[in-house]
Amino acid sequence: MKRQLFFSILILLSFIMKAQQNDTVFLRLNKVATVHKYQFVHAFEGNEDTCLLELKKFNKNSDVIFHRTDMGCIGWNNTEERFYTYYNDQLQALEIRRDNLPYAKSLFEYDDLNDPIKIATHYSETDDTLVSVNEYFRNSKNRMDSTIARRKNNLGEQSQIKNVYRYDKRKNLVQEYTTDESGTPLSMVSYERLSDGKMKSKAITIYGDNPSFKQIYYEYDQNGRVFSTVDSQNRKQLFFYKKNGLINNMLTYNGNGALEVEFLFNYTYHE
């Protein structure tokens, strides 16, 4: 099923990207204006070049307002740019351009709790609009219990995605379970926690025609920052930080322990 495959790719990419980003707290404390993320491939013998993989720009509230990714750094001849528009600290519009051409634009509507209750996305190439109407359910302690997104396109075709959340006694999220309109599972993410609530491990299961499983284990330094991650294929990442708490560089090793790729981060700051 194409929808399940597309959903699977989005889930895996989102977790990979989240593992490689700075904590929002440190972005805000340091008044970061831009983040340049460079890629240096150590696996290429004699390589002396870095490639600008990502550029992010932030407003003074530390909200991302621009994000450019150059897929040429990883062997694909594509670029993607994302433009974010805010009003009263809420994301109102997201415009995506691919290879300098319009791809999609999303408009957001919110309820009184600042949850996006409606997202309308127009795709330029197909001239199609996908409208997602979202419902949010909270338990007696006001924690998110589940969400339902009902989606409809120009042809009237409808689909539904439901997310259910579970917490431990310390109010930490320990599981996210996603199903489609028929109740068929799409994904499950489980979190194992340390005594202080930090992540010990994360397990990502994708169901459907292209099932997959990935587990990531975390270690922390004396300042409580992620020092290393190791996944179920024995691929490892090491994180090194600047004095201000922002990531300086990150080393990525393959399953055989060989250094493959290094990511280097440069910053500019708001006055």
C-alpha atoms as a PDB file:
ATOM      1  CA  MET A   1       0.000   0.000   0.000  1.00  0.00           C
ATOM      2  CA  LYS A   2       1.571   3.265  -1.157  1.00  0.00           C
ATOM      3  CA  ARG A   3       0.090   5.283   1.699  1.00  0.00           C
ATOM      4  CA  GLN A   4       1.657   2.954   4.264  1.00  0.00           C
ATOM      5  CA  LEU A   5       5.042   3.118   2.515  1.00  0.00           C
ATOM      6  CA  PHE A   6       4.941   6.929   2.431  1.00  0.00           C
ATOM      7  CA  PHE A   7       3.896   7.007   6.104  1.00  0.00           C
ATOM      8  CA  SER A   8       6.752   4.612   6.982  1.00  0.00           C
ATOM      9  CA  ILE A   9       9.346   6.816   5.296  1.00  0.00           C
ATOM     10  CA  LEU A  10       8.053   9.926   7.086  1.00  0.00           C
ATOM     11  CA  ILE A  11       8.177   8.234  10.498  1.00  0.00           C
ATOM     12  CA  LEU A  12      11.745   6.967  10.083  1.00  0.00           C
ATOM     13  CA  LEU A  13      13.042  10.237   8.651  1.00  0.00           C
ATOM     14  CA  SER A  14      11.462  12.266  11.437  1.00  0.00           C
ATOM     15  CA  PHE A  15      13.199  10.231  14.155  1.00  0.00           C
ATOM     16  CA  ILE A  16      16.545  10.312  12.336  1.00  0.00           C
ATOM     17  CA  MET A  17      16.385  14.089  11.945  1.00  0.00           C
ATOM     18  CA  LYS A  18      15.279  14.674  15.546  1.00  0.00           C
ATOM     19  CA  ALA A  19      18.301  12.749  16.796  1.00  0.00           C
ATOM     20  CA  GLN A  20      20.611  15.139  14.954  1.00  0.00           C
ATOM     21  CA  GLN A  21      19.231  18.484  16.111  1.00  0.00           C
ATOM     22  CA  ASN A  22      19.959  20.859  18.985  1.00  0.00           C
ATOM     23  CA  ASP A  23      17.745  21.091  22.014  1.00  0.00           C
ATOM     24  CA  THR A  24      15.313  23.987  21.561  1.00  0.00           C
ATOM     25  CA  VAL A  25      16.192  25.219  25.059  1.00  0.00           C
ATOM     26  CA  PHE A  26      19.808  25.888  24.016  1.00  0.00           C
ATOM     27  CA  LEU A  27      18.712  27.537  20.776  1.00  0.00           C
ATOM     28  CA  ARG A  28      16.581  29.935  22.807  1.00  0.00           C
ATOM     29  CA  LEU A  29      19.160  30.568  25.549  1.00  0.00           C
ATOM     30  CA  ASN A  30      21.820  31.404  22.971  1.00  0.00           C
ATOM     31  CA  LYS A  31      19.492  33.468  20.743  1.00  0.00           C
ATOM     32  CA  VAL A  32      20.451  31.404  17.697  1.00  0.00           C
ATOM     33  CA  ALA A  33      19.601  33.039  14.361  1.00  0.00           C
ATOM     34  CA  THR A  34      20.961  30.442  11.902  1.00  0.00           C
ATOM     35  CA  VAL A  35      22.328  26.917  11.997  1.00  0.00           C
ATOM     36  CA  HIS A  36      24.548  25.690   9.172  1.00  0.00           C
ATOM     37  CA  LYS A  37      24.921  21.917   9.227  1.00  0.00           C
ATOM     38  CA  TYR A  38      27.786  20.601   7.077  1.00  0.00           C
ATOM     39  CA  GLN A  39      28.476  17.022   6.090  1.00  0.00           C
ATOM     40  CA  PHE A  40      31.984  15.610   5.775  1.00  0.00           C
ATOM     41  CA  VAL A  41      32.244  12.051   4.410  1.00  0.00           C
ATOM     42  CA  HIS A  42      35.222  10.307   6.010  1.00  0.00           C
ATOM     43  CA  ALA A  43      34.452   7.104   4.096  1.00  0.00           C
ATOM     44  CA  PHE A  44      35.711   8.767   0.893  1.00  0.00           C
ATOM     45  CA  GLU A  45      39.490   8.458   1.006  1.00  0.00           C
ATOM     46  CA  GLY A  46      41.263  11.753   0.345  1.00  0.00           C
ATOM     47  CA  ASN A  47      38.038  13.736   0.740  1.00  0.00           C
ATOM     48  CA  GLU A  48      38.689  17.303   1.909  1.00  0.00           C
ATOM     49  CA  ASP A  49      35.334  18.882   1.075  1.00  0.00           C
ATOM     50  CA  THR A  50      32.335  19.590   3.251  1.00  0.00           C
ATOM     51  CA  CYS A  51      28.809  19.961   1.906  1.00  0.00           C
ATOM     52  CA  LEU A  52      26.122  22.232   3.370  1.00  0.00           C
ATOM     53  CA  LEU A  53      23.408  19.664   4.075  1.00  0.00           C
ATOM     54  CA  GLU A  54      21.016  21.930   5.995  1.00  0.00           C
ATOM     55  CA  LEU A  55      20.449  25.604   6.676  1.00  0.00           C
ATOM     56  CA  LYS A  56      17.951  26.696   9.314  1.00  0.00           C
ATOM     57  CA  LYS A  57      16.902  30.227  10.223  1.00  0.00           C
ATOM     58  CA  PHE A  58      15.121  31.128  13.474  1.00  0.00           C
ATOM     59  CA  ASN A  59      13.176  34.171  14.632  1.00  0.00           C
ATOM     60  CA  LYS A  60      13.809  35.746  18.052  1.00  0.00           C
ATOM     61  CA  ASN A  61      11.322  33.323  19.633  1.00  0.00           C
ATOM     62  CA  SER A  62      13.513  30.446  18.398  1.00  0.00           C
ATOM     63  CA  ASP A  63      10.824  29.316  15.943  1.00  0.00           C
ATOM     64  CA  VAL A  64      12.246  27.990  12.685  1.00  0.00           C
ATOM     65  CA  ILE A  65      11.258  30.282   9.818  1.00  0.00           C
ATOM     66  CA  PHE A  66      13.315  28.731   6.994  1.00  0.00           C
ATOM     67  CA  HIS A  67      14.783  25.274   6.422  1.00  0.00           C
ATOM     68  CA  ARG A  68      16.768  24.270   3.346  1.00  0.00           C
ATOM     69  CA  THR A  69      18.027  20.728   2.693  1.00  0.00           C
ATOM     70  CA  ASP A  70      20.419  19.913  -0.134  1.00  0.00           C
ATOM     71  CA  MET A  71      19.924  16.264  -1.064  1.00  0.00           C
ATOM     72  CA  GLY A  72      22.997  16.526  -3.313  1.00  0.00           C
ATOM     73  CA  CYS A  73      25.051  15.983  -0.161  1.00  0.00           C
ATOM     74  CA  ILE A  74      23.670  12.451   0.094  1.00  0.00           C
ATOM     75  CA  GLY A  75      23.751  11.624  -3.606  1.00  0.00           C
ATOM     76  CA  TRP A  76      20.352  12.873  -4.803  1.00  0.00           C
ATOM     77  CA  ASN A  77      20.032  15.774  -7.214  1.00  0.00           C
ATOM     78  CA  ASN A  78      17.288  17.563  -5.265  1.00  0.00           C
ATOM     79  CA  THR A  79      16.765  20.463  -2.876  1.00  0.00           C
ATOM     80  CA  GLU A  80      13.883  21.299  -0.581  1.00  0.00           C
ATOM     81  CA  GLU A  81      13.073  24.625   1.063  1.00  0.00           C
ATOM     82  CA  ARG A  82      10.487  25.200   3.780  1.00  0.00           C
ATOM     83  CA  PHE A  83       9.111  28.631   4.687  1.00  0.00           C
ATOM     84  CA  TYR A  84       7.253  29.039   8.012  1.00  0.00           C
ATOM     85  CA  THR A  85       4.862  31.904   8.803  1.00  0.00           C
ATOM     86  CA  TYR A  86       3.721  32.668  12.365  1.00  0.00           C
ATOM     87  CA  TYR A  87       1.063  34.853  13.969  1.00  0.00           C
ATOM     88  CA  ASN A  88       0.781  35.259  17.756  1.00  0.00           C
ATOM     89  CA  ASP A  89       3.402  32.507  18.180  1.00  0.00           C
ATOM     90  CA  GLN A  90       1.308  30.034  16.169  1.00  0.00           C
ATOM     91  CA  LEU A  91       2.380  28.469  12.891  1.00  0.00           C
ATOM     92  CA  GLN A  92      -0.103  29.789  10.325  1.00  0.00           C
ATOM     93  CA  ALA A  93       1.398  28.631   7.035  1.00  0.00           C
ATOM     94  CA  LEU A  94       4.083  26.268   5.765  1.00  0.00           C
ATOM     95  CA  GLU A  95       5.227  26.532   2.153  1.00  0.00           C
ATOM     96  CA  ILE A  96       7.438  23.841   0.600  1.00  0.00           C
ATOM     97  CA  ARG A  97       9.478  24.317  -2.571  1.00  0.00           C
ATOM     98  CA  ARG A  98      11.389  21.504  -4.250  1.00  0.00           C
ATOM     99  CA  ASP A  99      14.105  22.230  -6.791  1.00  0.00           C
ATOM    100  CA  ASN A 100      13.031  25.909  -6.685  1.00  0.00           C
ATOM    101  CA  LEU A 101       9.474  25.028  -7.748  1.00  0.00           C
ATOM    102  CA  PRO A 102       6.289  25.222  -5.633  1.00  0.00           C
ATOM    103  CA  TYR A 103       5.415  21.819  -4.156  1.00  0.00           C
ATOM    104  CA  ALA A 104       2.924  22.287  -1.327  1.00  0.00           C
ATOM    105  CA  LYS A 105       1.450  24.891   0.988  1.00  0.00           C
ATOM    106  CA  SER A 106      -0.336  24.193   4.279  1.00  0.00           C
ATOM    107  CA  LEU A 107      -2.609  26.517   6.242  1.00  0.00           C
ATOM    108  CA  PHE A 108      -3.353  25.883   9.929  1.00  0.00           C
ATOM    109  CA  GLU A 109      -6.338  26.593  12.205  1.00  0.00           C
ATOM    110  CA  TYR A 110      -6.230  26.161  16.000  1.00  0.00           C
ATOM    111  CA  ASP A 111      -8.566  25.631  18.942  1.00  0.00           C
ATOM    112  CA  ASP A 112      -8.412  27.427  22.294  1.00  0.00           C
ATOM    113  CA  LEU A 113      -5.704  25.006  23.525  1.00  0.00           C
ATOM    114  CA  ASN A 114      -3.456  25.839  20.551  1.00  0.00           C
ATOM    115  CA  ASP A 115      -3.959  22.420  18.947  1.00  0.00           C
ATOM    116  CA  PRO A 116      -4.165  22.493  15.119  1.00  0.00           C
ATOM    117  CA  ILE A 117      -7.759  21.417  14.453  1.00  0.00           C
ATOM    118  CA  LYS A 118      -7.614  21.897  10.673  1.00  0.00           C
ATOM    119  CA  ILE A 119      -4.732  21.676   8.203  1.00  0.00           C
ATOM    120  CA  ALA A 120      -5.411  22.345   4.519  1.00  0.00           C
ATOM    121  CA  THR A 121      -2.543  21.396   2.192  1.00  0.00           C
ATOM    122  CA  HIS A 122      -2.532  22.247  -1.514  1.00  0.00           C
ATOM    123  CA  TYR A 123      -0.143  20.344  -3.812  1.00  0.00           C
ATOM    124  CA  SER A 124       0.930  22.408  -6.820  1.00  0.00           C
ATOM    125  CA  GLU A 125       1.923  19.595  -9.199  1.00  0.00           C
ATOM    126  CA  THR A 126      -1.338  17.664  -8.902  1.00  0.00           C
ATOM    127  CA  ASP A 127      -3.553  20.670  -8.097  1.00  0.00           C
ATOM    128  CA  ASP A 128      -4.962  18.593  -5.249  1.00  0.00           C
ATOM    129  CA  THR A 129      -5.922  19.761  -1.763  1.00  0.00           C
ATOM    130  CA  LEU A 130      -5.822  17.489   1.274  1.00  0.00           C
ATOM    131  CA  VAL A 131      -7.817  18.717   4.268  1.00  0.00           C
ATOM    132  CA  SER A 132      -7.096  17.169   7.663  1.00  0.00           C
ATOM    133  CA  VAL A 133      -9.644  17.770  10.435  1.00  0.00           C
ATOM    134  CA  ASN A 134      -8.135  16.828  13.783  1.00  0.00           C
ATOM    135  CA  GLU A 135      -9.665  15.902  17.129  1.00  0.00           C
ATOM    136  CA  TYR A 136      -7.750  15.748  20.404  1.00  0.00           C
ATOM    137  CA  PHE A 137      -8.705  13.721  23.462  1.00  0.00           C
ATOM    138  CA  ARG A 138      -7.180  14.278  26.909  1.00  0.00           C
ATOM    139  CA  ASN A 139      -7.406  12.247  30.084  1.00  0.00           C
ATOM    140  CA  SER A 140      -8.387  13.526  33.529  1.00  0.00           C
ATOM    141  CA  LYS A 141      -4.841  14.821  34.067  1.00  0.00           C
ATOM    142  CA  ASN A 142      -5.004  16.867  30.829  1.00  0.00           C
ATOM    143  CA  ARG A 143      -2.415  14.714  29.070  1.00  0.00           C
ATOM    144  CA  MET A 144      -3.001  13.876  25.422  1.00  0.00           C
ATOM    145  CA  ASP A 145      -4.766  10.523  25.347  1.00  0.00           C
ATOM    146  CA  SER A 146      -5.343  10.164  21.603  1.00  0.00           C
ATOM    147  CA  THR A 147      -5.758  12.108  18.375  1.00  0.00           C
ATOM    148  CA  ILE A 148      -7.799  11.440  15.244  1.00  0.00           C
ATOM    149  CA  ALA A 149      -7.031  13.012  11.869  1.00  0.00           C
ATOM    150  CA  ARG A 150      -9.755  12.686   9.214  1.00  0.00           C
ATOM    151  CA  ARG A 151      -8.461  13.527   5.743  1.00  0.00           C
ATOM    152  CA  LYS A 152     -10.287  14.306   2.507  1.00  0.00           C
ATOM    153  CA  ASN A 153      -8.968  15.220  -0.961  1.00  0.00           C
ATOM    154  CA  ASN A 154     -10.471  16.939  -4.010  1.00  0.00           C
ATOM    155  CA  LEU A 155     -12.069  13.716  -5.223  1.00  0.00           C
ATOM    156  CA  GLY A 156     -13.848  13.166  -1.935  1.00  0.00           C
ATOM    157  CA  GLU A 157     -11.611  10.242  -0.984  1.00  0.00           C
ATOM    158  CA  GLN A 158     -11.345   9.961   2.787  1.00  0.00           C
ATOM    159  CA  SER A 159      -8.888   8.376   5.199  1.00  0.00           C
ATOM    160  CA  GLN A 160      -8.285   8.440   8.920  1.00  0.00           C
ATOM    161  CA  ILE A 161      -5.239   8.141  11.138  1.00  0.00           C
ATOM    162  CA  LYS A 162      -5.557   7.613  14.881  1.00  0.00           C
ATOM    163  CA  ASN A 163      -2.762   8.019  17.441  1.00  0.00           C
ATOM    164  CA  VAL A 164      -3.014   6.623  20.976  1.00  0.00           C
ATOM    165  CA  TYR A 165      -0.557   7.681  23.715  1.00  0.00           C
ATOM    166  CA  ARG A 166       0.455   5.895  26.930  1.00  0.00           C
ATOM    167  CA  TYR A 167       2.356   7.319  29.931  1.00  0.00           C
ATOM    168  CA  ASP A 168       4.182   5.916  32.936  1.00  0.00           C
ATOM    169  CA  LYS A 169       3.566   6.833  36.580  1.00  0.00           C
ATOM    170  CA  ARG A 170       5.978   9.759  36.264  1.00  0.00           C
ATOM    171  CA  LYS A 171       3.885  11.211  33.392  1.00  0.00           C
ATOM    172  CA  ASN A 172       6.537  10.359  30.804  1.00  0.00           C
ATOM    173  CA  LEU A 173       5.366   9.288  27.355  1.00  0.00           C
ATOM    174  CA  VAL A 174       6.189   5.588  26.896  1.00  0.00           C
ATOM    175  CA  GLN A 175       4.246   4.578  23.771  1.00  0.00           C
ATOM    176  CA  GLU A 176       2.677   5.995  20.594  1.00  0.00           C
ATOM    177  CA  TYR A 177       0.461   3.677  18.560  1.00  0.00           C
ATOM    178  CA  THR A 178      -0.881   4.637  15.114  1.00  0.00           C
ATOM    179  CA  THR A 179      -3.678   2.968  13.110  1.00  0.00           C
ATOM    180  CA  ASP A 180      -5.638   3.737   9.936  1.00  0.00           C
ATOM    181  CA  GLU A 181      -9.426   3.992   9.452  1.00  0.00           C
ATOM    182  CA  SER A 182      -9.860   0.200   9.560  1.00  0.00           C
ATOM    183  CA  GLY A 183      -7.872  -0.154  12.769  1.00  0.00           C
ATOM    184  CA  THR A 184      -4.899  -1.627  10.918  1.00  0.00           C
ATOM    185  CA  PRO A 185      -1.644  -0.720  12.713  1.00  0.00           C
ATOM    186  CA  LEU A 186       0.711   1.646  10.880  1.00  0.00           C
ATOM    187  CA  SER A 187       3.402   2.188  13.494  1.00  0.00           C
ATOM    188  CA  MET A 188       4.319   1.875  17.156  1.00  0.00           C
ATOM    189  CA  VAL A 189       6.996   3.833  19.003  1.00  0.00           C
ATOM    190  CA  SER A 190       7.998   2.689  22.497  1.00  0.00           C
ATOM    191  CA  TYR A 191      10.182   4.665  24.922  1.00  0.00           C
ATOM    192  CA  GLU A 192      12.201   3.117  27.734  1.00  0.00           C
ATOM    193  CA  ARG A 193      13.010   5.684  30.429  1.00  0.00           C
ATOM    194  CA  LEU A 194      15.738   6.163  33.021  1.00  0.00           C
ATOM    195  CA  SER A 195      14.827   7.017  36.618  1.00  0.00           C
ATOM    196  CA  ASP A 196      15.116  10.745  35.860  1.00  0.00           C
ATOM    197  CA  GLY A 197      12.807  10.463  32.827  1.00  0.00           C
ATOM    198  CA  LYS A 198      15.513  10.705  30.178  1.00  0.00           C
ATOM    199  CA  MET A 199      15.340   8.348  27.224  1.00  0.00           C
ATOM    200  CA  LYS A 200      17.133   5.041  27.718  1.00  0.00           C
ATOM    201  CA  SER A 201      15.998   3.576  24.407  1.00  0.00           C
ATOM    202  CA  LYS A 202      13.469   4.128  21.641  1.00  0.00           C
ATOM    203  CA  ALA A 203      11.944   1.330  19.524  1.00  0.00           C
ATOM    204  CA  ILE A 204      10.295   2.199  16.198  1.00  0.00           C
ATOM    205  CA  THR A 205       8.128  -0.433  14.491  1.00  0.00           C
ATOM    206  CA  ILE A 206       6.626   0.156  11.037  1.00  0.00           C
ATOM    207  CA  TYR A 207       3.871  -2.202   9.876  1.00  0.00           C
ATOM    208  CA  GLY A 208       2.307  -2.822   6.467  1.00  0.00           C
ATOM    209  CA  ASP A 209       3.747  -3.973   3.152  1.00  0.00           C
ATOM    210  CA  ASN A 210       7.242  -2.754   4.025  1.00  0.00           C
ATOM    211  CA  PRO A 211       7.640  -3.565   7.740  1.00  0.00           C
ATOM    212  CA  SER A 212      10.731  -2.468   9.620  1.00  0.00           C
ATOM    213  CA  PHE A 213      12.084  -2.243  13.142  1.00  0.00           C
ATOM    214  CA  LYS A 214      14.696   0.077  14.612  1.00  0.00           C
ATOM    215  CA  GLN A 215      15.806   0.508  18.218  1.00  0.00           C
ATOM    216  CA  ILE A 216      18.044   3.318  19.440  1.00  0.00           C
ATOM    217  CA  TYR A 217      19.919   3.366  22.778  1.00  0.00           C
ATOM    218  CA  TYR A 218      21.051   6.630  24.441  1.00  0.00           C
ATOM    219  CA  GLU A 219      23.947   7.565  26.724  1.00  0.00           C
ATOM    220  CA  TYR A 220      24.399  10.942  28.456  1.00  0.00           C
ATOM    221  CA  ASP A 221      27.336  13.018  29.651  1.00  0.00           C
ATOM    222  CA  GLN A 222      27.739  14.527  33.140  1.00  0.00           C
ATOM    223  CA  ASN A 223      25.681  17.558  32.034  1.00  0.00           C
ATOM    224  CA  GLY A 224      22.703  15.432  31.025  1.00  0.00           C
ATOM    225  CA  ARG A 225      23.254  15.881  27.279  1.00  0.00           C
ATOM    226  CA  VAL A 226      23.114  13.030  24.775  1.00  0.00           C
ATOM    227  CA  PHE A 227      26.682  11.788  24.372  1.00  0.00           C
ATOM    228  CA  SER A 228      26.102   8.794  22.115  1.00  0.00           C
ATOM    229  CA  THR A 229      23.414   6.736  20.400  1.00  0.00           C
ATOM    230  CA  VAL A 230      23.655   3.150  19.154  1.00  0.00           C
ATOM    231  CA  ASP A 231      20.946   1.521  17.064  1.00  0.00           C
ATOM    232  CA  SER A 232      19.938  -2.112  16.602  1.00  0.00           C
ATOM    233  CA  GLN A 233      22.246  -2.391  13.555  1.00  0.00           C
ATOM    234  CA  ASN A 234      25.204  -1.329  15.754  1.00  0.00           C
ATOM    235  CA  ARG A 235      25.475   2.055  14.021  1.00  0.00           C
ATOM    236  CA  LYS A 236      26.799   4.647  16.438  1.00  0.00           C
ATOM    237  CA  GLN A 237      26.739   8.436  16.763  1.00  0.00           C
ATOM    238  CA  LEU A 238      28.934  10.517  19.079  1.00  0.00           C
ATOM    239  CA  PHE A 239      27.996  14.111  19.995  1.00  0.00           C
ATOM    240  CA  PHE A 240      30.404  16.904  20.965  1.00  0.00           C
ATOM    241  CA  TYR A 241      29.244  20.265  22.326  1.00  0.00           C
ATOM    242  CA  LYS A 242      30.355  23.856  22.502  1.00  0.00           C
ATOM    243  CA  LYS A 243      30.657  25.588  25.890  1.00  0.00           C
ATOM    244  CA  ASN A 244      27.234  27.186  25.337  1.00  0.00           C
ATOM    245  CA  GLY A 245      25.578  23.750  25.064  1.00  0.00           C
ATOM    246  CA  LEU A 246      25.058  23.720  21.289  1.00  0.00           C
ATOM    247  CA  ILE A 247      26.287  20.800  19.185  1.00  0.00           C
ATOM    248  CA  ASN A 248      29.732  21.400  17.707  1.00  0.00           C
ATOM    249  CA  ASN A 249      30.080  18.211  15.667  1.00  0.00           C
ATOM    250  CA  MET A 250      28.756  14.687  15.457  1.00  0.00           C
ATOM    251  CA  LEU A 251      30.531  11.495  14.324  1.00  0.00           C
ATOM    252  CA  THR A 252      28.643   8.645  12.672  1.00  0.00           C
ATOM    253  CA  TYR A 253      30.043   5.101  12.582  1.00  0.00           C
ATOM    254  CA  ASN A 254      28.770   2.141  10.554  1.00  0.00           C
ATOM    255  CA  GLY A 255      27.916  -1.275  11.982  1.00  0.00           C
ATOM    256  CA  ASN A 256      31.532  -2.396  11.673  1.00  0.00           C
ATOM    257  CA  GLY A 257      32.814   0.485  13.789  1.00  0.00           C
ATOM    258  CA  ALA A 258      34.311   2.509  10.921  1.00  0.00           C
ATOM    259  CA  LEU A 259      33.900   6.288  10.886  1.00  0.00           C
ATOM    260  CA  GLU A 260      31.721   7.182   7.877  1.00  0.00           C
ATOM    261  CA  VAL A 261      30.300  10.688   8.192  1.00  0.00           C
ATOM    262  CA  GLU A 262      30.901  13.752  10.363  1.00  0.00           C
ATOM    263  CA  PHE A 263      28.381  16.566  10.771  1.00  0.00           C
ATOM    264  CA  LEU A 264      29.717  20.019  11.699  1.00  0.00           C
ATOM    265  CA  PHE A 265      27.551  22.865  13.008  1.00  0.00           C
ATOM    266  CA  ASN A 266      28.126  26.611  12.612  1.00  0.00           C
ATOM    267  CA  TYR A 267      25.908  29.279  14.180  1.00  0.00           C
ATOM    268  CA  THR A 268      25.010  32.947  13.992  1.00  0.00           C
ATOM    269  CA  TYR A 269      23.133  34.739  16.759  1.00  0.00           C
ATOM    270  CA  HIS A 270      20.523  37.448  17.240  1.00  0.00           C
ATOM    271  CA  GLU A 271      21.814  40.546  18.997  1.00  0.00           C
END
